[in-house]
Protein backbone atom coordinates (compact mmCIF):
# COMPACT_ATOMS: atom_id res chain seq x y z
CA MET A 1 0.00 0.00 0.00
CA VAL A 2 1.39 3.47 -0.93
CA GLY A 3 2.73 5.47 1.97
CA ARG A 4 2.94 2.51 4.36
CA LYS A 5 6.19 2.31 6.31
CA LEU A 6 7.85 -1.07 6.67
CA PRO A 7 8.73 -2.19 10.18
CA ARG A 8 12.40 -1.84 10.95
CA HIS A 9 12.88 -5.58 11.34
CA ASP A 10 11.85 -6.27 7.69
CA GLY A 11 15.25 -5.26 6.41
CA ARG A 12 16.96 -7.56 8.88
CA LEU A 13 14.56 -10.36 7.91
CA THR A 14 15.31 -9.89 4.23
CA ALA A 15 19.04 -10.01 4.90
CA SER A 16 18.60 -13.17 6.96
CA LEU A 17 16.60 -14.84 4.22
CA LEU A 18 19.24 -13.96 1.63
CA ALA A 19 21.96 -15.38 3.85
CA LEU A 20 19.95 -18.57 4.35
CA PHE A 21 19.41 -18.90 0.59
CA ALA A 22 23.14 -18.45 -0.08
CA ALA A 23 23.95 -21.10 2.52
CA LEU A 24 21.53 -23.54 0.91
CA VAL A 25 23.11 -22.96 -2.51
CA LEU A 26 26.56 -23.67 -1.09
CA MET A 27 25.26 -26.81 0.59
CA GLU A 28 23.80 -28.05 -2.70
CA SER A 29 26.94 -27.44 -4.75
CA PRO A 30 28.92 -30.48 -3.53
CA ALA A 31 25.93 -32.71 -4.26
CA ARG A 32 26.11 -31.76 -7.92
CA ALA A 33 29.71 -32.98 -8.06
CA SER A 34 28.70 -36.43 -6.90
CA PRO A 35 31.03 -39.43 -6.84
CA ASP A 36 29.13 -40.78 -9.86
CA GLN A 37 30.74 -38.05 -11.95
CA ARG A 38 34.30 -39.26 -11.41
CA PRO A 39 36.11 -39.91 -14.70
CA LEU A 40 35.50 -43.36 -16.15
CA ASN A 41 38.48 -45.28 -17.50
CA LEU A 42 37.73 -47.25 -20.65
CA VAL A 43 40.13 -49.51 -22.52
CA ALA A 44 39.73 -50.03 -26.27
CA PHE A 45 41.08 -53.57 -26.62
CA GLY A 46 41.58 -54.69 -30.19
CA ASP A 47 43.71 -55.04 -33.29
CA SER A 48 44.92 -52.58 -35.95
CA LEU A 49 41.42 -51.12 -36.32
CA THR A 50 41.73 -49.95 -32.73
CA ALA A 51 45.47 -49.24 -32.76
CA GLY A 52 45.18 -46.82 -35.69
CA PHE A 53 47.26 -48.54 -38.35
CA ARG A 54 49.39 -45.95 -40.21
CA LEU A 55 47.59 -43.06 -38.52
CA PRO A 56 48.84 -40.44 -36.06
CA ALA A 57 48.13 -41.40 -32.45
CA ASP A 58 45.57 -38.62 -32.08
CA ALA A 59 43.66 -39.90 -35.12
CA ALA A 60 43.26 -43.48 -33.83
CA PHE A 61 39.86 -44.69 -32.73
CA PRO A 62 40.41 -44.42 -28.94
CA ALA A 63 41.69 -40.84 -29.15
CA VAL A 64 38.89 -39.68 -31.45
CA LEU A 65 36.26 -41.40 -29.32
CA GLU A 66 37.63 -39.81 -26.14
CA ARG A 67 37.61 -36.32 -27.67
CA THR A 68 34.08 -36.80 -28.96
CA LEU A 69 32.79 -38.00 -25.60
CA LYS A 70 34.48 -35.16 -23.74
CA ALA A 71 32.99 -32.64 -26.17
CA LYS A 72 29.58 -34.02 -25.19
CA GLY A 73 30.34 -33.53 -21.50
CA TYR A 74 31.41 -37.04 -20.50
CA ALA A 75 34.23 -37.42 -17.98
CA VAL A 76 36.06 -40.33 -19.57
CA THR A 77 39.43 -41.57 -20.77
CA VAL A 78 39.85 -44.17 -23.51
CA ALA A 79 43.16 -46.03 -23.45
CA ASN A 80 44.48 -47.51 -26.68
CA ALA A 81 45.16 -51.22 -26.17
CA GLY A 82 45.13 -52.09 -29.86
CA VAL A 83 47.87 -54.22 -31.41
CA SER A 84 48.15 -54.42 -35.19
CA GLY A 85 47.85 -57.96 -36.49
CA ASP A 86 46.44 -59.31 -33.25
CA THR A 87 44.06 -62.25 -33.22
CA THR A 88 41.57 -63.25 -30.56
CA THR A 89 43.99 -65.79 -29.12
CA GLY A 90 46.76 -63.17 -29.13
CA GLY A 91 44.43 -60.81 -27.31
CA LEU A 92 43.67 -63.47 -24.75
CA ASP A 93 47.40 -63.97 -24.12
CA ARG A 94 47.91 -60.27 -23.28
CA LEU A 95 44.58 -59.58 -21.60
CA GLU A 96 45.78 -59.19 -18.02
CA TRP A 97 48.43 -56.57 -18.70
CA SER A 98 46.48 -54.79 -21.43
CA VAL A 99 43.48 -54.20 -19.16
CA PRO A 100 44.81 -52.93 -15.82
CA ASP A 101 43.03 -52.81 -12.49
CA GLY A 102 40.88 -49.70 -12.24
CA THR A 103 39.40 -50.16 -15.70
CA ASP A 104 35.70 -49.28 -15.68
CA GLY A 105 34.82 -50.81 -19.05
CA VAL A 106 36.31 -52.47 -22.14
CA ILE A 107 35.42 -51.94 -25.78
CA LEU A 108 36.33 -55.35 -27.22
CA GLU A 109 37.22 -55.24 -30.93
CA LEU A 110 38.90 -58.45 -32.05
CA GLY A 111 38.32 -61.10 -34.71
CA ALA A 112 39.05 -59.39 -38.02
CA ASN A 113 42.46 -61.06 -38.34
CA ASP A 114 40.98 -64.44 -37.41
CA MET A 115 38.52 -64.00 -40.25
CA LEU A 116 41.17 -62.90 -42.77
CA ARG A 117 43.31 -65.92 -41.88
CA GLY A 118 40.37 -68.29 -42.19
CA THR A 119 40.68 -69.39 -38.56
CA ASP A 120 38.02 -71.86 -37.50
CA PRO A 121 35.18 -69.72 -36.03
CA GLY A 122 35.01 -72.16 -33.14
CA VAL A 123 38.54 -71.11 -32.12
CA THR A 124 37.62 -67.43 -32.41
CA LYS A 125 34.49 -67.86 -30.34
CA LYS A 126 36.28 -69.79 -27.61
CA ALA A 127 38.97 -67.10 -27.28
CA LEU A 128 36.43 -64.27 -27.17
CA ASP A 129 34.32 -66.23 -24.68
CA THR A 130 37.34 -66.62 -22.40
CA ILE A 131 38.24 -62.92 -22.70
CA VAL A 132 34.72 -61.86 -21.77
CA SER A 133 34.41 -64.34 -18.90
CA ARG A 134 37.74 -63.20 -17.41
CA LEU A 135 36.75 -59.55 -17.63
CA LYS A 136 33.37 -60.27 -16.09
CA ALA A 137 35.08 -62.18 -13.28
CA ARG A 138 37.09 -59.01 -12.58
CA GLY A 139 33.91 -56.95 -12.51
CA ILE A 140 34.72 -55.14 -15.77
CA PRO A 141 31.79 -54.54 -18.18
CA VAL A 142 32.30 -55.21 -21.88
CA LEU A 143 31.00 -53.52 -25.01
CA MET A 144 31.27 -56.05 -27.82
CA ALA A 145 32.26 -54.50 -31.16
CA GLY A 146 31.29 -57.09 -33.73
CA MET A 147 32.90 -58.10 -37.00
CA ARG A 148 31.48 -59.69 -40.14
CA ALA A 149 33.09 -62.20 -42.47
CA SER A 150 34.12 -61.33 -46.00
CA THR A 151 31.63 -62.52 -48.61
CA ASN A 152 34.28 -64.65 -50.37
CA LEU A 153 34.70 -67.06 -47.45
CA GLY A 154 31.68 -69.21 -48.19
CA PRO A 155 28.25 -69.47 -46.58
CA ASP A 156 29.19 -71.94 -43.84
CA PHE A 157 32.13 -69.88 -42.58
CA ILE A 158 30.15 -66.65 -42.84
CA SER A 159 27.18 -67.97 -40.88
CA ARG A 160 29.36 -69.42 -38.12
CA PHE A 161 31.63 -66.38 -37.86
CA ASP A 162 28.90 -63.74 -37.99
CA ALA A 163 26.96 -65.53 -35.24
CA ILE A 164 29.82 -65.26 -32.73
CA TYR A 165 29.24 -61.68 -31.58
CA PRO A 166 25.46 -61.64 -31.08
CA SER A 167 25.66 -65.08 -29.46
CA LEU A 168 28.25 -64.08 -26.86
CA SER A 169 26.53 -60.75 -26.26
CA GLU A 170 23.28 -62.53 -25.49
CA GLN A 171 25.01 -65.14 -23.34
CA TYR A 172 26.77 -62.58 -21.16
CA GLY A 173 24.30 -59.70 -21.39
CA LEU A 174 26.77 -57.41 -23.17
CA VAL A 175 26.18 -54.14 -24.95
CA LEU A 176 26.64 -54.99 -28.65
CA TYR A 177 27.65 -52.83 -31.60
CA PRO A 178 27.01 -55.35 -34.39
CA PHE A 179 29.63 -54.27 -36.93
CA PHE A 180 32.62 -52.11 -36.06
CA LEU A 181 33.20 -51.16 -39.72
CA GLU A 182 29.58 -50.21 -40.38
CA GLY A 183 29.41 -47.55 -43.07
CA ILE A 184 33.06 -47.75 -44.10
CA ALA A 185 33.68 -51.37 -45.17
CA GLY A 186 34.21 -51.40 -48.92
CA ASN A 187 34.04 -47.61 -49.17
CA ARG A 188 37.31 -46.38 -50.71
CA SER A 189 36.83 -42.82 -49.45
CA PHE A 190 36.98 -44.04 -45.84
CA ASN A 191 39.90 -46.45 -46.16
CA LEU A 192 43.61 -46.43 -46.77
CA GLU A 193 44.85 -47.69 -50.12
CA ASP A 194 44.91 -51.25 -48.78
CA GLY A 195 41.11 -51.15 -48.66
CA MET A 196 41.01 -52.69 -45.17
CA HIS A 197 42.11 -50.06 -42.67
CA PRO A 198 40.21 -46.83 -42.02
CA ASN A 199 41.80 -43.51 -42.84
CA VAL A 200 41.27 -40.40 -40.71
CA SER A 201 37.79 -39.85 -42.14
CA GLY A 202 37.01 -43.52 -41.71
CA VAL A 203 37.86 -43.45 -38.00
CA GLU A 204 35.67 -40.40 -37.55
CA ARG A 205 32.85 -42.25 -39.31
CA ILE A 206 33.31 -45.26 -37.02
CA VAL A 207 33.06 -43.00 -33.97
CA VAL A 208 29.88 -41.37 -35.26
CA GLY A 209 28.34 -44.81 -35.76
CA ILE A 210 29.35 -46.37 -32.45
CA LEU A 211 28.83 -43.27 -30.30
CA PRO A 212 25.19 -43.92 -29.24
CA THR A 213 26.15 -47.46 -28.22
CA VAL A 214 29.11 -46.18 -26.20
CA GLU A 215 26.88 -43.62 -24.50
CA ASN A 216 24.47 -46.38 -23.55
CA PHE A 217 27.43 -48.39 -22.24
CA LEU A 218 28.58 -45.46 -20.09
CA GLN A 219 25.09 -45.02 -18.67
CA GLN A 220 25.00 -48.69 -17.72
CA ILE A 221 28.39 -48.40 -16.00
CA ARG A 222 27.24 -45.33 -14.07
CA GLY A 223 23.86 -46.68 -13.18
CA GLY A 224 24.24 -50.32 -12.38
CA PRO A 225 26.43 -53.08 -11.04
CA ARG A 226 29.15 -54.53 -13.17
């Protein structure tokens, strides 16, 4: 009402309320930086497709994926544990030292060299099965990055090989990205002159394709038990 004088204590009350509000804001701030927001440590465990064959280190799949995730606000590191020429059995042999304690999740990308060498799919599946079971025993979640057989290997080999990744993913309840080379396999503009390894643009295309699956994987790591 115009002309009405406020009691003297109103000013003190307003100041008290402001101080209380400021205190509440300060109390809430640590809650926003909850332990769930600690950086997650991922390991990209694979062959030359992970290692970045003939590419600069900062253009390899793990580095590009890490930059992309950080640009979207994720607190995450992605270590490069790719070895060019590695097979699934070779990966199994180096598993323990390639995936150190403190790893929050593994992107498993192996099998392309098995396929190119015509390795019995039963051998490939057994090695991948053992890798996954050992990681699960350590409490480390796995994102399975699948591979597909070349069309010149015959229908029996193709059906047996292509079934490995969805089968193991279902058996162990893994997050599955069905085909790591989706969108770039057979596309000359995304590959080096050998036609098998992604170039810089190819790696970027792989990251665009797998990114939603990786984000889902991160949410599962944050939100649930290993």
